[in-house]
Amino acid sequence: MLANYFPVLLFILIALVFGAVMLLVGTLVGPTEPNTEKNSPYECGFEAFEDSRMKFDVRYYLVAILFIIFDLEIAFLFPWAVVLDTIGIEAFVAMGIFLGILLIGFIYEWKKGALEWE
């Protein structure tokens, strides 16, 4: 029974050793003093170590919703398009409803001004 799991265990062991070696090489070769640019906020747009109740612009959430809308659309459209000729009219109607819901979300984003960045 252990012979069946040996390749998986070997793969996990190799992955752990490889990860440990890469971390060790990174700490030995990489710079040890980060500068102010490296410590500045770059994804969320505001300082991370301030008051947790501070107010920030809601456009960050709107951009995240916009990303989810397009990400879901692409994730469902590719497999659907591949088998479109075999799945029938019911799937075509279901995808039309799905795209209609995504279109409503896109129109909401457009009306809220998420596509206009200052």
PDB file of N, CA and C in Angstrom:
ATOM      1  N   MET A   1       0.822  -1.194   0.000  1.00  0.00           N
ATOM      2  CA  MET A   1       0.000   0.000   0.000  1.00  0.00           C
ATOM      3  C   MET A   1       0.865   1.258   0.000  1.00  0.00           C
ATOM      4  N   LEU A   2       1.976   1.222   0.725  1.00  0.00           N
ATOM      5  CA  LEU A   2       2.859   2.373   0.752  1.00  0.00           C
ATOM      6  C   LEU A   2       3.500   2.615  -0.619  1.00  0.00           C
ATOM      7  N   ALA A   3       3.660   1.565  -1.390  1.00  0.00           N
ATOM      8  CA  ALA A   3       4.247   1.708  -2.724  1.00  0.00           C
ATOM      9  C   ALA A   3       3.364   2.554  -3.638  1.00  0.00           C
ATOM     10  N   ASN A   4       2.060   2.553  -3.405  1.00  0.00           N
ATOM     11  CA  ASN A   4       1.151   3.373  -4.208  1.00  0.00           C
ATOM     12  C   ASN A   4       1.336   4.859  -3.927  1.00  0.00           C
ATOM     13  N   TYR A   5       1.670   5.201  -2.692  1.00  0.00           N
ATOM     14  CA  TYR A   5       1.806   6.598  -2.293  1.00  0.00           C
ATOM     15  C   TYR A   5       3.251   7.095  -2.352  1.00  0.00           C
ATOM     16  N   PHE A   6       4.193   6.219  -2.659  1.00  0.00           N
ATOM     17  CA  PHE A   6       5.590   6.626  -2.681  1.00  0.00           C
ATOM     18  C   PHE A   6       5.882   7.756  -3.675  1.00  0.00           C
ATOM     19  N   PRO A   7       5.359   7.726  -4.908  1.00  0.00           N
ATOM     20  CA  PRO A   7       5.627   8.853  -5.815  1.00  0.00           C
ATOM     21  C   PRO A   7       5.093  10.184  -5.285  1.00  0.00           C
ATOM     22  N   VAL A   8       3.937  10.156  -4.637  1.00  0.00           N
ATOM     23  CA  VAL A   8       3.376  11.388  -4.083  1.00  0.00           C
ATOM     24  C   VAL A   8       4.246  11.898  -2.940  1.00  0.00           C
ATOM     25  N   LEU A   9       4.661  10.996  -2.049  1.00  0.00           N
ATOM     26  CA  LEU A   9       5.515  11.390  -0.941  1.00  0.00           C
ATOM     27  C   LEU A   9       6.869  11.896  -1.446  1.00  0.00           C
ATOM     28  N   LEU A  10       7.406  11.262  -2.476  1.00  0.00           N
ATOM     29  CA  LEU A  10       8.663  11.715  -3.050  1.00  0.00           C
ATOM     30  C   LEU A  10       8.520  13.101  -3.664  1.00  0.00           C
ATOM     31  N   PHE A  11       7.414  13.349  -4.342  1.00  0.00           N
ATOM     32  CA  PHE A  11       7.152  14.658  -4.929  1.00  0.00           C
ATOM     33  C   PHE A  11       7.049  15.726  -3.846  1.00  0.00           C
ATOM     34  N   ILE A  12       6.345  15.419  -2.752  1.00  0.00           N
ATOM     35  CA  ILE A  12       6.220  16.371  -1.650  1.00  0.00           C
ATOM     36  C   ILE A  12       7.578  16.648  -1.024  1.00  0.00           C
ATOM     37  N   LEU A  13       8.379  15.609  -0.837  1.00  0.00           N
ATOM     38  CA  LEU A  13       9.712  15.781  -0.247  1.00  0.00           C
ATOM     39  C   LEU A  13      10.592  16.640  -1.159  1.00  0.00           C
ATOM     40  N   ILE A  14      10.575  16.390  -2.451  1.00  0.00           N
ATOM     41  CA  ILE A  14      11.379  17.185  -3.383  1.00  0.00           C
ATOM     42  C   ILE A  14      10.899  18.643  -3.383  1.00  0.00           C
ATOM     43  N   ALA A  15       9.592  18.849  -3.332  1.00  0.00           N
ATOM     44  CA  ALA A  15       9.055  20.214  -3.312  1.00  0.00           C
ATOM     45  C   ALA A  15       9.476  20.941  -2.036  1.00  0.00           C
ATOM     46  N   LEU A  16       9.436  20.280  -0.895  1.00  0.00           N
ATOM     47  CA  LEU A  16       9.847  20.907   0.354  1.00  0.00           C
ATOM     48  C   LEU A  16      11.335  21.239   0.347  1.00  0.00           C
ATOM     49  N   VAL A  17      12.155  20.325  -0.135  1.00  0.00           N
ATOM     50  CA  VAL A  17      13.596  20.581  -0.198  1.00  0.00           C
ATOM     51  C   VAL A  17      13.880  21.728  -1.165  1.00  0.00           C
ATOM     52  N   PHE A  18      13.240  21.720  -2.325  1.00  0.00           N
ATOM     53  CA  PHE A  18      13.435  22.783  -3.300  1.00  0.00           C
ATOM     54  C   PHE A  18      13.006  24.137  -2.734  1.00  0.00           C
ATOM     55  N   GLY A  19      11.863  24.174  -2.055  1.00  0.00           N
ATOM     56  CA  GLY A  19      11.403  25.421  -1.440  1.00  0.00           C
ATOM     57  C   GLY A  19      12.356  25.917  -0.368  1.00  0.00           C
ATOM     58  N   ALA A  20      12.847  25.016   0.475  1.00  0.00           N
ATOM     59  CA  ALA A  20      13.795  25.410   1.516  1.00  0.00           C
ATOM     60  C   ALA A  20      15.093  25.930   0.915  1.00  0.00           C
ATOM     61  N   VAL A  21      15.575  25.291  -0.146  1.00  0.00           N
ATOM     62  CA  VAL A  21      16.807  25.743  -0.794  1.00  0.00           C
ATOM     63  C   VAL A  21      16.597  27.126  -1.414  1.00  0.00           C
ATOM     64  N   MET A  22      15.474  27.354  -2.051  1.00  0.00           N
ATOM     65  CA  MET A  22      15.208  28.658  -2.655  1.00  0.00           C
ATOM     66  C   MET A  22      15.109  29.756  -1.600  1.00  0.00           C
ATOM     67  N   LEU A  23      14.472  29.460  -0.467  1.00  0.00           N
ATOM     68  CA  LEU A  23      14.410  30.444   0.615  1.00  0.00           C
ATOM     69  C   LEU A  23      15.794  30.736   1.173  1.00  0.00           C
ATOM     70  N   LEU A  24      16.607  29.725   1.323  1.00  0.00           N
ATOM     71  CA  LEU A  24      17.961  29.911   1.829  1.00  0.00           C
ATOM     72  C   LEU A  24      18.800  30.737   0.853  1.00  0.00           C
ATOM     73  N   VAL A  25      18.713  30.429  -0.429  1.00  0.00           N
ATOM     74  CA  VAL A  25      19.459  31.193  -1.427  1.00  0.00           C
ATOM     75  C   VAL A  25      18.967  32.636  -1.465  1.00  0.00           C
ATOM     76  N   GLY A  26      17.676  32.828  -1.338  1.00  0.00           N
ATOM     77  CA  GLY A  26      17.120  34.181  -1.350  1.00  0.00           C
ATOM     78  C   GLY A  26      17.585  35.020  -0.173  1.00  0.00           C
ATOM     79  N   THR A  27      17.696  34.418   1.003  1.00  0.00           N
ATOM     80  CA  THR A  27      18.165  35.176   2.163  1.00  0.00           C
ATOM     81  C   THR A  27      19.660  35.434   2.098  1.00  0.00           C
ATOM     82  N   LEU A  28      20.411  34.560   1.460  1.00  0.00           N
ATOM     83  CA  LEU A  28      21.853  34.765   1.368  1.00  0.00           C
ATOM     84  C   LEU A  28      22.226  35.770   0.278  1.00  0.00           C
ATOM     85  N   VAL A  29      21.525  35.769  -0.826  1.00  0.00           N
ATOM     86  CA  VAL A  29      21.888  36.588  -1.969  1.00  0.00           C
ATOM     87  C   VAL A  29      21.141  37.918  -1.990  1.00  0.00           C
ATOM     88  N   GLY A  30      19.899  37.937  -1.512  1.00  0.00           N
ATOM     89  CA  GLY A  30      19.059  39.118  -1.623  1.00  0.00           C
ATOM     90  C   GLY A  30      19.481  40.255  -0.714  1.00  0.00           C
ATOM     91  N   PRO A  31      18.994  41.471  -1.016  1.00  0.00           N
ATOM     92  CA  PRO A  31      19.314  42.616  -0.168  1.00  0.00           C
ATOM     93  C   PRO A  31      18.632  42.490   1.200  1.00  0.00           C
ATOM     94  N   THR A  32      19.312  42.991   2.216  1.00  0.00           N
ATOM     95  CA  THR A  32      18.776  42.854   3.570  1.00  0.00           C
ATOM     96  C   THR A  32      18.158  44.138   4.093  1.00  0.00           C
ATOM     97  N   GLU A  33      18.395  45.272   3.426  1.00  0.00           N
ATOM     98  CA  GLU A  33      17.850  46.535   3.882  1.00  0.00           C
ATOM     99  C   GLU A  33      16.834  47.061   2.869  1.00  0.00           C
ATOM    100  N   PRO A  34      15.535  46.888   3.142  1.00  0.00           N
ATOM    101  CA  PRO A  34      14.544  47.424   2.199  1.00  0.00           C
ATOM    102  C   PRO A  34      14.512  48.948   2.263  1.00  0.00           C
ATOM    103  N   ASN A  35      14.286  49.573   1.137  1.00  0.00           N
ATOM    104  CA  ASN A  35      14.209  51.026   1.100  1.00  0.00           C
ATOM    105  C   ASN A  35      12.766  51.489   1.280  1.00  0.00           C
ATOM    106  N   THR A  36      12.551  52.804   1.237  1.00  0.00           N
ATOM    107  CA  THR A  36      11.205  53.337   1.461  1.00  0.00           C
ATOM    108  C   THR A  36      10.252  52.963   0.338  1.00  0.00           C
ATOM    109  N   GLU A  37      10.753  52.830  -0.887  1.00  0.00           N
ATOM    110  CA  GLU A  37       9.885  52.425  -1.996  1.00  0.00           C
ATOM    111  C   GLU A  37       9.341  51.019  -1.786  1.00  0.00           C
ATOM    112  N   LYS A  38      10.183  50.139  -1.260  1.00  0.00           N
ATOM    113  CA  LYS A  38       9.761  48.769  -1.048  1.00  0.00           C
ATOM    114  C   LYS A  38       8.735  48.666   0.077  1.00  0.00           C
ATOM    115  N   ASN A  39       8.817  49.540   1.056  1.00  0.00           N
ATOM    116  CA  ASN A  39       7.891  49.501   2.186  1.00  0.00           C
ATOM    117  C   ASN A  39       6.630  50.318   1.947  1.00  0.00           C
ATOM    118  N   SER A  40       6.515  50.999   0.823  1.00  0.00           N
ATOM    119  CA  SER A  40       5.337  51.819   0.565  1.00  0.00           C
ATOM    120  C   SER A  40       4.173  50.947   0.103  1.00  0.00           C
ATOM    121  N   PRO A  41       2.942  51.387   0.356  1.00  0.00           N
ATOM    122  CA  PRO A  41       1.781  50.606  -0.103  1.00  0.00           C
ATOM    123  C   PRO A  41       1.661  50.676  -1.619  1.00  0.00           C
ATOM    124  N   TYR A  42       1.371  49.549  -2.237  1.00  0.00           N
ATOM    125  CA  TYR A  42       1.308  49.541  -3.696  1.00  0.00           C
ATOM    126  C   TYR A  42       0.055  48.885  -4.237  1.00  0.00           C
ATOM    127  N   GLU A  43      -0.637  48.048  -3.483  1.00  0.00           N
ATOM    128  CA  GLU A  43      -1.823  47.386  -4.021  1.00  0.00           C
ATOM    129  C   GLU A  43      -3.114  48.025  -3.536  1.00  0.00           C
ATOM    130  N   CYS A  44      -3.177  48.345  -2.262  1.00  0.00           N
ATOM    131  CA  CYS A  44      -4.442  48.818  -1.727  1.00  0.00           C
ATOM    132  C   CYS A  44      -4.561  50.331  -1.777  1.00  0.00           C
ATOM    133  N   GLY A  45      -3.453  51.067  -1.846  1.00  0.00           N
ATOM    134  CA  GLY A  45      -3.508  52.504  -2.015  1.00  0.00           C
ATOM    135  C   GLY A  45      -3.498  53.300  -0.735  1.00  0.00           C
ATOM    136  N   PHE A  46      -3.447  52.681   0.410  1.00  0.00           N
ATOM    137  CA  PHE A  46      -3.374  53.413   1.666  1.00  0.00           C
ATOM    138  C   PHE A  46      -2.426  52.693   2.607  1.00  0.00           C
ATOM    139  N   GLU A  47      -1.944  53.411   3.609  1.00  0.00           N
ATOM    140  CA  GLU A  47      -1.000  52.840   4.558  1.00  0.00           C
ATOM    141  C   GLU A  47      -1.635  51.671   5.301  1.00  0.00           C
ATOM    142  N   ALA A  48      -0.918  50.581   5.410  1.00  0.00           N
ATOM    143  CA  ALA A  48      -1.476  49.373   6.016  1.00  0.00           C
ATOM    144  C   ALA A  48      -1.440  49.407   7.535  1.00  0.00           C
ATOM    145  N   PHE A  49      -0.534  50.157   8.130  1.00  0.00           N
ATOM    146  CA  PHE A  49      -0.366  50.125   9.576  1.00  0.00           C
ATOM    147  C   PHE A  49      -0.882  51.398  10.240  1.00  0.00           C
ATOM    148  N   GLU A  50      -2.072  51.806   9.874  1.00  0.00           N
ATOM    149  CA  GLU A  50      -2.708  52.955  10.496  1.00  0.00           C
ATOM    150  C   GLU A  50      -3.974  52.480  11.192  1.00  0.00           C
ATOM    151  N   ASP A  51      -4.828  53.426  11.528  1.00  0.00           N
ATOM    152  CA  ASP A  51      -6.085  53.106  12.201  1.00  0.00           C
ATOM    153  C   ASP A  51      -6.943  52.229  11.296  1.00  0.00           C
ATOM    154  N   SER A  52      -7.463  51.152  11.852  1.00  0.00           N
ATOM    155  CA  SER A  52      -8.261  50.235  11.040  1.00  0.00           C
ATOM    156  C   SER A  52      -9.629  50.810  10.687  1.00  0.00           C
ATOM    157  N   ARG A  53     -10.026  51.887  11.326  1.00  0.00           N
ATOM    158  CA  ARG A  53     -11.332  52.504  11.047  1.00  0.00           C
ATOM    159  C   ARG A  53     -11.213  53.721  10.141  1.00  0.00           C
ATOM    160  N   MET A  54     -10.066  53.895   9.499  1.00  0.00           N
ATOM    161  CA  MET A  54      -9.906  55.050   8.620  1.00  0.00           C
ATOM    162  C   MET A  54     -10.762  54.877   7.366  1.00  0.00           C
ATOM    163  N   LYS A  55     -11.158  55.998   6.788  1.00  0.00           N
ATOM    164  CA  LYS A  55     -12.000  55.959   5.600  1.00  0.00           C
ATOM    165  C   LYS A  55     -11.124  56.005   4.359  1.00  0.00           C
ATOM    166  N   PHE A  56     -11.526  55.245   3.365  1.00  0.00           N
ATOM    167  CA  PHE A  56     -10.846  55.290   2.075  1.00  0.00           C
ATOM    168  C   PHE A  56     -11.883  55.157   0.980  1.00  0.00           C
ATOM    169  N   ASP A  57     -11.442  55.454  -0.204  1.00  0.00           N
ATOM    170  CA  ASP A  57     -12.347  55.545  -1.346  1.00  0.00           C
ATOM    171  C   ASP A  57     -12.965  54.192  -1.682  1.00  0.00           C
ATOM    172  N   VAL A  58     -14.238  54.199  -2.013  1.00  0.00           N
ATOM    173  CA  VAL A  58     -14.956  52.972  -2.329  1.00  0.00           C
ATOM    174  C   VAL A  58     -14.605  52.461  -3.723  1.00  0.00           C
ATOM    175  N   ARG A  59     -13.863  53.236  -4.499  1.00  0.00           N
ATOM    176  CA  ARG A  59     -13.510  52.801  -5.848  1.00  0.00           C
ATOM    177  C   ARG A  59     -12.642  51.550  -5.849  1.00  0.00           C
ATOM    178  N   TYR A  60     -11.914  51.315  -4.747  1.00  0.00           N
ATOM    179  CA  TYR A  60     -11.131  50.082  -4.679  1.00  0.00           C
ATOM    180  C   TYR A  60     -12.054  48.867  -4.725  1.00  0.00           C
ATOM    181  N   TYR A  61     -13.173  48.939  -4.019  1.00  0.00           N
ATOM    182  CA  TYR A  61     -14.138  47.841  -4.064  1.00  0.00           C
ATOM    183  C   TYR A  61     -14.786  47.733  -5.442  1.00  0.00           C
ATOM    184  N   LEU A  62     -15.059  48.860  -6.054  1.00  0.00           N
ATOM    185  CA  LEU A  62     -15.686  48.834  -7.370  1.00  0.00           C
ATOM    186  C   LEU A  62     -14.753  48.217  -8.416  1.00  0.00           C
ATOM    187  N   VAL A  63     -13.466  48.504  -8.323  1.00  0.00           N
ATOM    188  CA  VAL A  63     -12.510  47.895  -9.243  1.00  0.00           C
ATOM    189  C   VAL A  63     -12.422  46.394  -8.996  1.00  0.00           C
ATOM    190  N   ALA A  64     -12.488  45.977  -7.725  1.00  0.00           N
ATOM    191  CA  ALA A  64     -12.472  44.546  -7.417  1.00  0.00           C
ATOM    192  C   ALA A  64     -13.715  43.859  -7.977  1.00  0.00           C
ATOM    193  N   ILE A  65     -14.865  44.501  -7.865  1.00  0.00           N
ATOM    194  CA  ILE A  65     -16.092  43.933  -8.420  1.00  0.00           C
ATOM    195  C   ILE A  65     -15.986  43.852  -9.939  1.00  0.00           C
ATOM    196  N   LEU A  66     -15.407  44.864 -10.547  1.00  0.00           N
ATOM    197  CA  LEU A  66     -15.231  44.863 -11.995  1.00  0.00           C
ATOM    198  C   LEU A  66     -14.320  43.721 -12.434  1.00  0.00           C
ATOM    199  N   PHE A  67     -13.246  43.495 -11.678  1.00  0.00           N
ATOM    200  CA  PHE A  67     -12.361  42.379 -11.999  1.00  0.00           C
ATOM    201  C   PHE A  67     -13.095  41.052 -11.885  1.00  0.00           C
ATOM    202  N   ILE A  68     -13.892  40.876 -10.848  1.00  0.00           N
ATOM    203  CA  ILE A  68     -14.633  39.625 -10.660  1.00  0.00           C
ATOM    204  C   ILE A  68     -15.631  39.422 -11.795  1.00  0.00           C
ATOM    205  N   ILE A  69     -16.268  40.497 -12.228  1.00  0.00           N
ATOM    206  CA  ILE A  69     -17.232  40.383 -13.329  1.00  0.00           C
ATOM    207  C   ILE A  69     -16.549  39.840 -14.579  1.00  0.00           C
ATOM    208  N   PHE A  70     -15.430  40.437 -14.972  1.00  0.00           N
ATOM    209  CA  PHE A  70     -14.766  39.992 -16.194  1.00  0.00           C
ATOM    210  C   PHE A  70     -14.062  38.655 -16.010  1.00  0.00           C
ATOM    211  N   ASP A  71     -13.555  38.396 -14.820  1.00  0.00           N
ATOM    212  CA  ASP A  71     -12.891  37.126 -14.571  1.00  0.00           C
ATOM    213  C   ASP A  71     -13.887  35.968 -14.649  1.00  0.00           C
ATOM    214  N   LEU A  72     -15.042  36.131 -14.038  1.00  0.00           N
ATOM    215  CA  LEU A  72     -16.066  35.085 -14.105  1.00  0.00           C
ATOM    216  C   LEU A  72     -16.579  34.897 -15.526  1.00  0.00           C
ATOM    217  N   GLU A  73     -16.717  36.000 -16.210  1.00  0.00           N
ATOM    218  CA  GLU A  73     -17.225  35.902 -17.576  1.00  0.00           C
ATOM    219  C   GLU A  73     -16.286  35.076 -18.450  1.00  0.00           C
ATOM    220  N   ILE A  74     -15.014  35.348 -18.372  1.00  0.00           N
ATOM    221  CA  ILE A  74     -14.048  34.611 -19.186  1.00  0.00           C
ATOM    222  C   ILE A  74     -13.939  33.158 -18.728  1.00  0.00           C
ATOM    223  N   ALA A  75     -13.977  32.933 -17.408  1.00  0.00           N
ATOM    224  CA  ALA A  75     -13.843  31.571 -16.893  1.00  0.00           C
ATOM    225  C   ALA A  75     -15.003  30.676 -17.324  1.00  0.00           C
ATOM    226  N   PHE A  76     -16.178  31.246 -17.520  1.00  0.00           N
ATOM    227  CA  PHE A  76     -17.323  30.446 -17.946  1.00  0.00           C
ATOM    228  C   PHE A  76     -17.521  30.443 -19.458  1.00  0.00           C
ATOM    229  N   LEU A  77     -17.049  31.467 -20.139  1.00  0.00           N
ATOM    230  CA  LEU A  77     -17.278  31.538 -21.581  1.00  0.00           C
ATOM    231  C   LEU A  77     -16.384  30.595 -22.381  1.00  0.00           C
ATOM    232  N   PHE A  78     -15.152  30.396 -21.966  1.00  0.00           N
ATOM    233  CA  PHE A  78     -14.267  29.522 -22.735  1.00  0.00           C
ATOM    234  C   PHE A  78     -14.763  28.080 -22.791  1.00  0.00           C
ATOM    235  N   PRO A  79     -15.052  27.426 -21.659  1.00  0.00           N
ATOM    236  CA  PRO A  79     -15.556  26.046 -21.773  1.00  0.00           C
ATOM    237  C   PRO A  79     -16.903  25.979 -22.487  1.00  0.00           C
ATOM    238  N   TRP A  80     -17.735  26.979 -22.285  1.00  0.00           N
ATOM    239  CA  TRP A  80     -19.043  27.009 -22.931  1.00  0.00           C
ATOM    240  C   TRP A  80     -18.882  27.117 -24.449  1.00  0.00           C
ATOM    241  N   ALA A  81     -17.951  27.946 -24.889  1.00  0.00           N
ATOM    242  CA  ALA A  81     -17.755  28.117 -26.324  1.00  0.00           C
ATOM    243  C   ALA A  81     -17.177  26.860 -26.975  1.00  0.00           C
ATOM    244  N   VAL A  82     -16.396  26.098 -26.230  1.00  0.00           N
ATOM    245  CA  VAL A  82     -15.796  24.883 -26.782  1.00  0.00           C
ATOM    246  C   VAL A  82     -16.862  23.835 -27.082  1.00  0.00           C
ATOM    247  N   VAL A  83     -17.851  23.703 -26.195  1.00  0.00           N
ATOM    248  CA  VAL A  83     -18.869  22.658 -26.366  1.00  0.00           C
ATOM    249  C   VAL A  83     -20.216  23.218 -26.798  1.00  0.00           C
ATOM    250  N   LEU A  84     -20.225  24.394 -27.380  1.00  0.00           N
ATOM    251  CA  LEU A  84     -21.483  25.057 -27.741  1.00  0.00           C
ATOM    252  C   LEU A  84     -22.323  24.241 -28.706  1.00  0.00           C
ATOM    253  N   ASP A  85     -21.698  23.565 -29.646  1.00  0.00           N
ATOM    254  CA  ASP A  85     -22.471  22.820 -30.648  1.00  0.00           C
ATOM    255  C   ASP A  85     -23.083  21.539 -30.084  1.00  0.00           C
ATOM    256  N   THR A  86     -22.652  21.077 -28.917  1.00  0.00           N
ATOM    257  CA  THR A  86     -23.179  19.828 -28.366  1.00  0.00           C
ATOM    258  C   THR A  86     -24.106  20.014 -27.168  1.00  0.00           C
ATOM    259  N   ILE A  87     -24.202  21.201 -26.602  1.00  0.00           N
ATOM    260  CA  ILE A  87     -24.964  21.346 -25.356  1.00  0.00           C
ATOM    261  C   ILE A  87     -26.407  21.793 -25.553  1.00  0.00           C
ATOM    262  N   GLY A  88     -26.731  22.333 -26.693  1.00  0.00           N
ATOM    263  CA  GLY A  88     -28.124  22.625 -26.969  1.00  0.00           C
ATOM    264  C   GLY A  88     -28.557  24.040 -26.630  1.00  0.00           C
ATOM    265  N   ILE A  89     -29.825  24.294 -26.894  1.00  0.00           N
ATOM    266  CA  ILE A  89     -30.392  25.632 -26.739  1.00  0.00           C
ATOM    267  C   ILE A  89     -30.567  26.024 -25.272  1.00  0.00           C
ATOM    268  N   GLU A  90     -30.765  25.030 -24.380  1.00  0.00           N
ATOM    269  CA  GLU A  90     -30.943  25.355 -22.957  1.00  0.00           C
ATOM    270  C   GLU A  90     -29.689  26.002 -22.380  1.00  0.00           C
ATOM    271  N   ALA A  91     -28.537  25.487 -22.771  1.00  0.00           N
ATOM    272  CA  ALA A  91     -27.283  26.069 -22.297  1.00  0.00           C
ATOM    273  C   ALA A  91     -27.055  27.439 -22.917  1.00  0.00           C
ATOM    274  N   PHE A  92     -27.505  27.623 -24.146  1.00  0.00           N
ATOM    275  CA  PHE A  92     -27.382  28.933 -24.787  1.00  0.00           C
ATOM    276  C   PHE A  92     -28.209  29.968 -24.045  1.00  0.00           C
ATOM    277  N   VAL A  93     -29.418  29.594 -23.654  1.00  0.00           N
ATOM    278  CA  VAL A  93     -30.288  30.507 -22.903  1.00  0.00           C
ATOM    279  C   VAL A  93     -29.705  30.768 -21.511  1.00  0.00           C
ATOM    280  N   ALA A  94     -29.185  29.726 -20.860  1.00  0.00           N
ATOM    281  CA  ALA A  94     -28.586  29.898 -19.539  1.00  0.00           C
ATOM    282  C   ALA A  94     -27.393  30.849 -19.592  1.00  0.00           C
ATOM    283  N   MET A  95     -26.563  30.712 -20.626  1.00  0.00           N
ATOM    284  CA  MET A  95     -25.422  31.621 -20.755  1.00  0.00           C
ATOM    285  C   MET A  95     -25.888  33.031 -21.080  1.00  0.00           C
ATOM    286  N   GLY A  96     -26.958  33.163 -21.815  1.00  0.00           N
ATOM    287  CA  GLY A  96     -27.516  34.490 -22.084  1.00  0.00           C
ATOM    288  C   GLY A  96     -27.987  35.162 -20.808  1.00  0.00           C
ATOM    289  N   ILE A  97     -28.628  34.395 -19.927  1.00  0.00           N
ATOM    290  CA  ILE A  97     -29.059  34.940 -18.631  1.00  0.00           C
ATOM    291  C   ILE A  97     -27.840  35.337 -17.795  1.00  0.00           C
ATOM    292  N   PHE A  98     -26.829  34.479 -17.787  1.00  0.00           N
ATOM    293  CA  PHE A  98     -25.601  34.767 -17.031  1.00  0.00           C
ATOM    294  C   PHE A  98     -24.940  36.040 -17.544  1.00  0.00           C
ATOM    295  N   LEU A  99     -24.829  36.171 -18.858  1.00  0.00           N
ATOM    296  CA  LEU A  99     -24.219  37.374 -19.423  1.00  0.00           C
ATOM    297  C   LEU A  99     -25.080  38.606 -19.170  1.00  0.00           C
ATOM    298  N   GLY A 100     -26.388  38.437 -19.128  1.00  0.00           N
ATOM    299  CA  GLY A 100     -27.270  39.553 -18.785  1.00  0.00           C
ATOM    300  C   GLY A 100     -27.041  40.041 -17.367  1.00  0.00           C
ATOM    301  N   ILE A 101     -26.867  39.108 -16.425  1.00  0.00           N
ATOM    302  CA  ILE A 101     -26.577  39.492 -15.042  1.00  0.00           C
ATOM    303  C   ILE A 101     -25.229  40.209 -14.958  1.00  0.00           C
ATOM    304  N   LEU A 102     -24.225  39.703 -15.674  1.00  0.00           N
ATOM    305  CA  LEU A 102     -22.930  40.375 -15.692  1.00  0.00           C
ATOM    306  C   LEU A 102     -23.019  41.751 -16.344  1.00  0.00           C
ATOM    307  N   LEU A 103     -23.864  41.887 -17.352  1.00  0.00           N
ATOM    308  CA  LEU A 103     -24.055  43.183 -17.989  1.00  0.00           C
ATOM    309  C   LEU A 103     -24.679  44.178 -17.021  1.00  0.00           C
ATOM    310  N   ILE A 104     -25.593  43.717 -16.194  1.00  0.00           N
ATOM    311  CA  ILE A 104     -26.179  44.593 -15.170  1.00  0.00           C
ATOM    312  C   ILE A 104     -25.097  45.066 -14.203  1.00  0.00           C
ATOM    313  N   GLY A 105     -24.212  44.158 -13.790  1.00  0.00           N
ATOM    314  CA  GLY A 105     -23.098  44.545 -12.920  1.00  0.00           C
ATOM    315  C   GLY A 105     -22.154  45.521 -13.587  1.00  0.00           C
ATOM    316  N   PHE A 106     -21.886  45.319 -14.878  1.00  0.00           N
ATOM    317  CA  PHE A 106     -21.023  46.228 -15.611  1.00  0.00           C
ATOM    318  C   PHE A 106     -21.657  47.609 -15.731  1.00  0.00           C
ATOM    319  N   ILE A 107     -22.941  47.671 -15.996  1.00  0.00           N
ATOM    320  CA  ILE A 107     -23.640  48.965 -16.081  1.00  0.00           C
ATOM    321  C   ILE A 107     -23.614  49.666 -14.727  1.00  0.00           C
ATOM    322  N   TYR A 108     -23.767  48.910 -13.654  1.00  0.00           N
ATOM    323  CA  TYR A 108     -23.673  49.485 -12.307  1.00  0.00           C
ATOM    324  C   TYR A 108     -22.302  50.110 -12.085  1.00  0.00           C
ATOM    325  N   GLU A 109     -21.247  49.389 -12.477  1.00  0.00           N
ATOM    326  CA  GLU A 109     -19.886  49.914 -12.342  1.00  0.00           C
ATOM    327  C   GLU A 109     -19.722  51.188 -13.174  1.00  0.00           C
ATOM    328  N   TRP A 110     -20.268  51.175 -14.375  1.00  0.00           N
ATOM    329  CA  TRP A 110     -20.140  52.325 -15.255  1.00  0.00           C
ATOM    330  C   TRP A 110     -20.846  53.543 -14.658  1.00  0.00           C
ATOM    331  N   LYS A 111     -22.053  53.336 -14.137  1.00  0.00           N
ATOM    332  CA  LYS A 111     -22.819  54.438 -13.553  1.00  0.00           C
ATOM    333  C   LYS A 111     -22.155  54.985 -12.291  1.00  0.00           C
ATOM    334  N   LYS A 112     -21.477  54.124 -11.533  1.00  0.00           N
ATOM    335  CA  LYS A 112     -20.798  54.564 -10.311  1.00  0.00           C
ATOM    336  C   LYS A 112     -19.485  55.270 -10.610  1.00  0.00           C
ATOM    337  N   GLY A 113     -19.017  55.206 -11.847  1.00  0.00           N
ATOM    338  CA  GLY A 113     -17.792  55.897 -12.228  1.00  0.00           C
ATOM    339  C   GLY A 113     -16.529  55.107 -11.964  1.00  0.00           C
ATOM    340  N   ALA A 114     -16.628  53.808 -11.848  1.00  0.00           N
ATOM    341  CA  ALA A 114     -15.436  53.001 -11.575  1.00  0.00           C
ATOM    342  C   ALA A 114     -14.509  52.945 -12.774  1.00  0.00           C
ATOM    343  N   LEU A 115     -15.002  53.224 -13.950  1.00  0.00           N
ATOM    344  CA  LEU A 115     -14.165  53.178 -15.143  1.00  0.00           C
ATOM    345  C   LEU A 115     -13.431  54.492 -15.383  1.00  0.00           C
ATOM    346  N   GLU A 116     -13.782  55.533 -14.630  1.00  0.00           N
ATOM    347  CA  GLU A 116     -13.144  56.845 -14.757  1.00  0.00           C
ATOM    348  C   GLU A 116     -12.207  57.034 -13.558  1.00  0.00           C
ATOM    349  N   TRP A 117     -10.922  56.906 -13.808  1.00  0.00           N
ATOM    350  CA  TRP A 117      -9.945  57.021 -12.733  1.00  0.00           C
ATOM    351  C   TRP A 117      -9.279  58.384 -12.799  1.00  0.00           C
ATOM    352  N   GLU A 118      -9.089  59.005 -11.637  1.00  0.00           N
ATOM    353  CA  GLU A 118      -8.501  60.355 -11.575  1.00  0.00           C
ATOM    354  C   GLU A 118      -7.004  60.279 -11.547  1.00  0.00           C
TER     355      GLU A 118
END
